[in-house]
Every structure is written in structure tokens, then in C-alpha cells.
């Protein structure tokens, strides 16, 4: 059993997408980040960076004590090693998957995340910051679009954890100031993944965990999410 410490964000969706695709039993442990639950000592023991998602594998392959893993990319790699699914054995193809997973972790995720922050959540709109991250998101969409011009998925004809990592960061494309019609190959890829039954099941957790949906961010939630210093983890 995999315990998933989760909130319906792009990084959270990555993990439920993988688990649904790989048909691995899991249990959701809600972490309401707007209420500061990510700073609870019990969660910090699992995720010292006070970020979700994190997992606890209660039945690791070595038969030993439960293993906890934080950081979404590390979780995907751990699950792929555990299950042997969506991570190819061929050394060249595996290199492709690792490259595109790191592209998401180091590029698409952080840049789109800053896009969300300055475009949507920042209490004052700084034109330079908004333009910087909207434009960089646009560039990264362009990179993916070019990549997908002659292949079904990011790493070839087979769906992989690199696709699962990237898809949730394209879901909010309108909020990111993008137009998928400008990226026809990316749009085709996006629509195909959206229709996968495992994707549909993974995204059903959004309403289950957060039935009230998105609400205007008040000052307290903004402080919890964006105003913390080292004191919260010491």
C-alpha cells in the first residue's frame, strides 16, 4: 500500500496519475496546504521540505520498514523502480525518459509555478515578472510542441512517467496566459492524455479532497503559502 500525502495541485496529480496507470493500491492522506498542514511535525518527518506530495510505501520491495519519499520527481522514479512500469529498461530510451522528466522538474514546473504566482496570486502585479514567466512558459510549450511533432509522446511511442509529470502543468494553460491552438502537437498530446481512464480517475480526487474548489486567497492563506521562512522547519 502507498500512502499519498496529497493536495490537488499539478505535483499532486502526477503521483495519482502514475498510481492509477500502474494499478498500484494507494490511500490518500489530505494535506490542506492553504491551512498550513504541511508544517505539522508529522508531515515534516516525511517531507522535510514542507511540500507535498510525499509518499510512504508501507510494503517496500526489500520487505523492511516503510520507506518515505518526498519530491514528485523522486516519487515517480521510486514508483517506477518498484513497479517496473512506465520506465523503459533500454538504456537509451531510459535516458530519454530521465531527460524529459528533468525538463519538467527543472523547467516547465518551476516556470509555470512562478507564472501562476505573479499572474494570479501576487498581491501586486509586477509587469516585468508576469511577462518574464508567461513568456518562458510559452517558450517551454514551444519546446514540447516541437518535440511532439514526430512522436506520440515526449519520449517516443510509449507513454512514460515524463508525460505524467508534464501533463498536469499544461492543464492550467489558460491561467498561464497560453493558447493551446498555437501548439497543435502539444494540444494533440494533451487531449489524448486527458482522455486516458487513469487520468480521469486521478483527477476525480480534486472534488473528493477539496469539494469547495478554488476560492479567493485571503491574506492568511497567502502568508501560509508564500510568506514562510526557515523558522517553520526549525
Protein backbone atom coordinates (compact mmCIF):
# COMPACT_ATOMS: atom_id res chain seq x y z
CA UNK A 1 0.00 0.00 0.00
CA UNK A 2 1.19 3.50 -0.84
CA UNK A 3 0.07 6.34 1.43
CA UNK A 4 -0.06 9.52 -0.66
CA UNK A 5 0.17 12.86 1.14
CA UNK A 6 -1.70 14.94 -1.37
CA UNK A 7 -3.42 18.12 -2.35
CA UNK A 8 -4.88 18.63 -5.86
CA UNK A 9 -2.03 20.62 -7.37
CA UNK A 10 -0.06 19.75 -10.52
CA UNK A 11 2.60 17.97 -8.48
CA UNK A 12 -0.04 16.08 -6.55
CA UNK A 13 -1.76 14.97 -9.74
CA UNK A 14 1.47 13.48 -11.09
CA UNK A 15 1.50 10.87 -8.38
CA UNK A 16 -2.14 9.83 -8.57
CA UNK A 17 -1.82 9.62 -12.36
CA UNK A 18 1.09 7.21 -12.05
CA UNK A 19 -0.54 5.07 -9.39
CA UNK A 20 -3.74 4.82 -11.40
CA UNK A 21 -1.86 3.92 -14.57
CA UNK A 22 0.28 1.32 -12.77
CA UNK A 23 -2.72 -0.09 -10.86
CA UNK A 24 -0.98 0.26 -7.50
CA UNK A 25 -3.18 0.32 -4.36
CA UNK A 26 -2.93 3.63 -2.55
CA UNK A 27 -4.60 5.71 0.12
CA UNK A 28 -4.93 9.47 0.01
CA UNK A 29 -3.81 11.47 3.05
CA UNK A 30 -5.05 15.00 2.53
CA UNK A 31 -2.63 17.86 3.24
CA UNK A 32 -4.55 21.17 3.11
CA UNK A 33 -1.72 23.48 2.15
CA UNK A 34 -3.82 26.65 2.47
CA UNK A 35 -4.37 25.80 6.14
CA UNK A 36 -0.70 25.09 6.86
CA UNK A 37 -1.00 21.34 7.39
CA UNK A 38 2.30 20.91 5.52
CA UNK A 39 4.08 22.40 8.54
CA UNK A 40 2.79 19.83 11.01
CA UNK A 41 5.65 17.85 12.63
CA UNK A 42 4.17 14.55 11.46
CA UNK A 43 4.31 15.71 7.86
CA UNK A 44 7.75 17.30 8.17
CA UNK A 45 9.06 13.93 9.31
CA UNK A 46 8.06 12.60 5.88
CA UNK A 47 8.66 15.70 3.77
CA UNK A 48 11.34 17.91 5.37
CA UNK A 49 10.95 20.48 2.60
CA UNK A 50 7.34 21.04 3.80
CA UNK A 51 5.98 20.44 0.33
CA UNK A 52 3.53 17.90 -0.94
CA UNK A 53 3.27 15.37 -2.44
CA UNK A 54 5.07 12.78 -0.38
CA UNK A 55 4.52 9.08 -0.06
CA UNK A 56 5.05 6.31 2.44
CA UNK A 57 5.47 2.84 0.96
CA UNK A 58 4.26 0.51 3.68
CA UNK A 59 5.35 -2.57 1.72
CA UNK A 60 8.76 -1.82 0.17
CA UNK A 61 10.34 -4.42 -2.06
CA UNK A 62 13.08 -5.24 0.46
CA UNK A 63 10.48 -6.32 2.99
CA UNK A 64 11.78 -3.88 5.58
CA UNK A 65 10.34 -0.90 7.38
CA UNK A 66 8.15 1.60 5.47
CA UNK A 67 10.00 3.99 3.17
CA UNK A 68 9.04 7.65 2.84
CA UNK A 69 9.85 9.67 -0.27
CA UNK A 70 9.35 13.38 -0.95
CA UNK A 71 9.69 15.47 -4.15
CA UNK A 72 7.41 14.47 -7.01
CA UNK A 73 10.16 13.52 -9.44
CA UNK A 74 11.85 11.29 -6.87
CA UNK A 75 8.49 9.71 -6.07
CA UNK A 76 7.84 8.90 -9.73
CA UNK A 77 11.28 7.32 -10.08
CA UNK A 78 10.79 5.34 -6.88
CA UNK A 79 7.42 4.04 -8.04
CA UNK A 80 8.79 3.19 -11.47
CA UNK A 81 11.60 1.19 -9.89
CA UNK A 82 9.14 -0.55 -7.57
CA UNK A 83 6.65 -1.47 -10.29
CA UNK A 84 8.85 -1.69 -13.38
CA UNK A 85 6.21 0.27 -15.28
CA UNK A 86 6.49 3.40 -17.47
CA UNK A 87 10.28 3.41 -17.17
CA UNK A 88 11.95 1.51 -20.01
CA UNK A 89 14.75 -0.98 -19.47
CA UNK A 90 16.59 0.01 -22.63
CA UNK A 91 19.46 2.32 -21.67
CA UNK A 92 18.86 4.81 -24.48
CA UNK A 93 15.13 5.01 -24.00
CA UNK A 94 15.56 5.33 -20.26
CA UNK A 95 17.90 8.29 -20.86
CA UNK A 96 15.16 9.93 -22.92
CA UNK A 97 12.64 9.49 -20.09
CA UNK A 98 15.04 10.86 -17.48
CA UNK A 99 15.88 13.90 -19.62
CA UNK A 100 12.26 14.84 -20.14
CA UNK A 101 11.37 14.21 -16.53
CA UNK A 102 14.16 16.62 -15.52
CA UNK A 103 12.94 19.08 -18.16
CA UNK A 104 9.64 19.17 -16.35
CA UNK A 105 11.17 19.28 -12.88
CA UNK A 106 13.70 21.99 -13.69
CA UNK A 107 11.81 23.94 -16.34
CA UNK A 108 8.11 23.54 -17.01
CA UNK A 109 7.07 23.11 -13.38
CA UNK A 110 9.08 25.93 -11.78
CA UNK A 111 8.45 28.39 -14.61
CA UNK A 112 4.72 27.69 -14.78
CA UNK A 113 4.60 27.85 -10.99
CA UNK A 114 6.13 31.34 -10.97
CA UNK A 115 3.72 32.22 -13.79
CA UNK A 116 0.81 31.23 -11.52
CA UNK A 117 2.27 33.17 -8.62
CA UNK A 118 2.92 36.50 -10.28
CA UNK A 119 -0.08 36.36 -12.64
CA UNK A 120 -2.69 35.12 -10.15
CA UNK A 121 -1.58 35.17 -6.52
CA UNK A 122 0.77 38.11 -6.06
CA UNK A 123 -0.96 40.95 -4.19
CA UNK A 124 0.55 43.45 -6.61
CA UNK A 125 1.02 42.83 -10.32
CA UNK A 126 4.58 43.41 -11.44
CA UNK A 127 4.51 43.64 -15.23
CA UNK A 128 8.12 42.55 -15.70
CA UNK A 129 7.63 39.42 -13.55
CA UNK A 130 4.36 38.49 -15.27
CA UNK A 131 5.87 38.93 -18.73
CA UNK A 132 9.01 37.02 -17.77
CA UNK A 133 7.18 33.90 -16.66
CA UNK A 134 4.36 33.99 -19.20
CA UNK A 135 6.97 34.26 -21.96
CA UNK A 136 9.13 31.48 -20.51
CA UNK A 137 6.08 29.23 -20.19
CA UNK A 138 5.36 29.99 -23.82
CA UNK A 139 8.91 29.03 -24.80
CA UNK A 140 8.64 25.73 -22.93
CA UNK A 141 5.33 24.97 -24.59
CA UNK A 142 7.14 25.57 -27.87
CA UNK A 143 9.90 23.14 -26.91
CA UNK A 144 7.33 20.45 -26.14
CA UNK A 145 5.37 21.18 -29.31
CA UNK A 146 8.45 20.75 -31.47
CA UNK A 147 9.37 17.59 -29.63
CA UNK A 148 5.92 16.11 -30.22
CA UNK A 149 5.84 16.91 -33.94
CA UNK A 150 7.18 13.47 -34.89
CA UNK A 151 6.37 11.29 -31.87
CA UNK A 152 3.25 10.34 -29.97
CA UNK A 153 4.64 11.08 -26.51
CA UNK A 154 7.55 13.08 -25.17
CA UNK A 155 9.95 10.14 -25.29
CA UNK A 156 8.60 8.23 -28.25
CA UNK A 157 5.66 5.97 -28.95
CA UNK A 158 5.30 4.75 -25.37
CA UNK A 159 3.60 6.68 -22.58
CA UNK A 160 6.04 7.30 -19.74
CA UNK A 161 6.42 8.98 -16.37
CA UNK A 162 7.80 12.03 -18.22
CA UNK A 163 4.38 12.54 -19.80
CA UNK A 164 2.62 12.07 -16.46
CA UNK A 165 4.92 14.63 -14.87
CA UNK A 166 4.35 17.22 -17.59
CA UNK A 167 0.63 16.91 -18.29
CA UNK A 168 -0.65 18.47 -15.02
CA UNK A 169 1.43 21.59 -15.67
CA UNK A 170 -0.30 22.09 -19.02
CA UNK A 171 -3.82 21.63 -17.61
CA UNK A 172 -3.98 25.29 -16.42
CA UNK A 173 -2.84 26.62 -19.81
CA UNK A 174 -5.42 29.40 -19.90
CA UNK A 175 -4.40 30.64 -16.46
CA UNK A 176 -0.83 30.66 -17.69
CA UNK A 177 -1.71 33.06 -20.50
CA UNK A 178 -1.26 30.42 -23.21
CA UNK A 179 -3.36 29.20 -26.13
CA UNK A 180 -3.11 25.51 -26.96
CA UNK A 181 -4.25 26.21 -30.50
CA UNK A 182 -0.83 27.82 -31.02
CA UNK A 183 0.79 24.45 -30.26
CA UNK A 184 -1.02 21.81 -32.34
CA UNK A 185 1.26 18.88 -31.47
CA UNK A 186 1.16 19.70 -27.77
CA UNK A 187 -2.63 20.04 -27.98
CA UNK A 188 -2.96 16.62 -29.62
CA UNK A 189 -0.79 15.08 -26.86
CA UNK A 190 -2.70 16.92 -24.14
CA UNK A 191 -6.10 15.79 -25.40
CA UNK A 192 -5.00 12.17 -25.70
CA UNK A 193 -3.70 12.07 -22.12
CA UNK A 194 -6.81 13.83 -20.81
CA UNK A 195 -8.96 11.01 -22.18
CA UNK A 196 -6.98 8.19 -20.58
CA UNK A 197 -9.15 6.46 -17.94
CA UNK A 198 -6.33 6.64 -15.38
CA UNK A 199 -6.08 10.40 -15.87
CA UNK A 200 -9.81 10.79 -15.37
CA UNK A 201 -9.69 8.72 -12.18
CA UNK A 202 -6.69 10.63 -10.86
CA UNK A 203 -8.39 13.99 -11.34
CA UNK A 204 -11.52 12.81 -9.56
CA UNK A 205 -9.59 13.29 -6.32
CA UNK A 206 -9.84 17.06 -6.80
CA UNK A 207 -13.53 17.19 -5.91
CA UNK A 208 -13.19 14.49 -3.25
CA UNK A 209 -10.37 16.19 -1.36
CA UNK A 210 -11.32 19.82 -1.98
CA UNK A 211 -15.08 19.86 -2.65
CA UNK A 212 -15.31 23.62 -2.22
CA UNK A 213 -12.91 24.11 -5.12
CA UNK A 214 -10.72 27.13 -5.63
CA UNK A 215 -11.65 30.18 -3.61
CA UNK A 216 -10.20 33.68 -3.46
CA UNK A 217 -6.98 33.61 -1.49
CA UNK A 218 -7.22 35.52 1.76
CA UNK A 219 -4.27 37.15 3.47
CA UNK A 220 -3.80 34.32 5.95
CA UNK A 221 -3.60 31.67 3.23
CA UNK A 222 -1.21 33.86 1.23
CA UNK A 223 1.03 34.18 4.27
CA UNK A 224 0.98 30.43 4.85
CA UNK A 225 1.80 29.58 1.25
CA UNK A 226 4.19 32.35 0.32
CA UNK A 227 5.44 34.06 3.46
CA UNK A 228 7.32 31.37 5.32
CA UNK A 229 10.96 31.48 6.39
CA UNK A 230 13.37 28.92 7.86
CA UNK A 231 11.63 29.22 11.21
CA UNK A 232 8.81 26.90 10.11
CA UNK A 233 11.13 23.91 9.75
CA UNK A 234 13.45 24.51 12.70
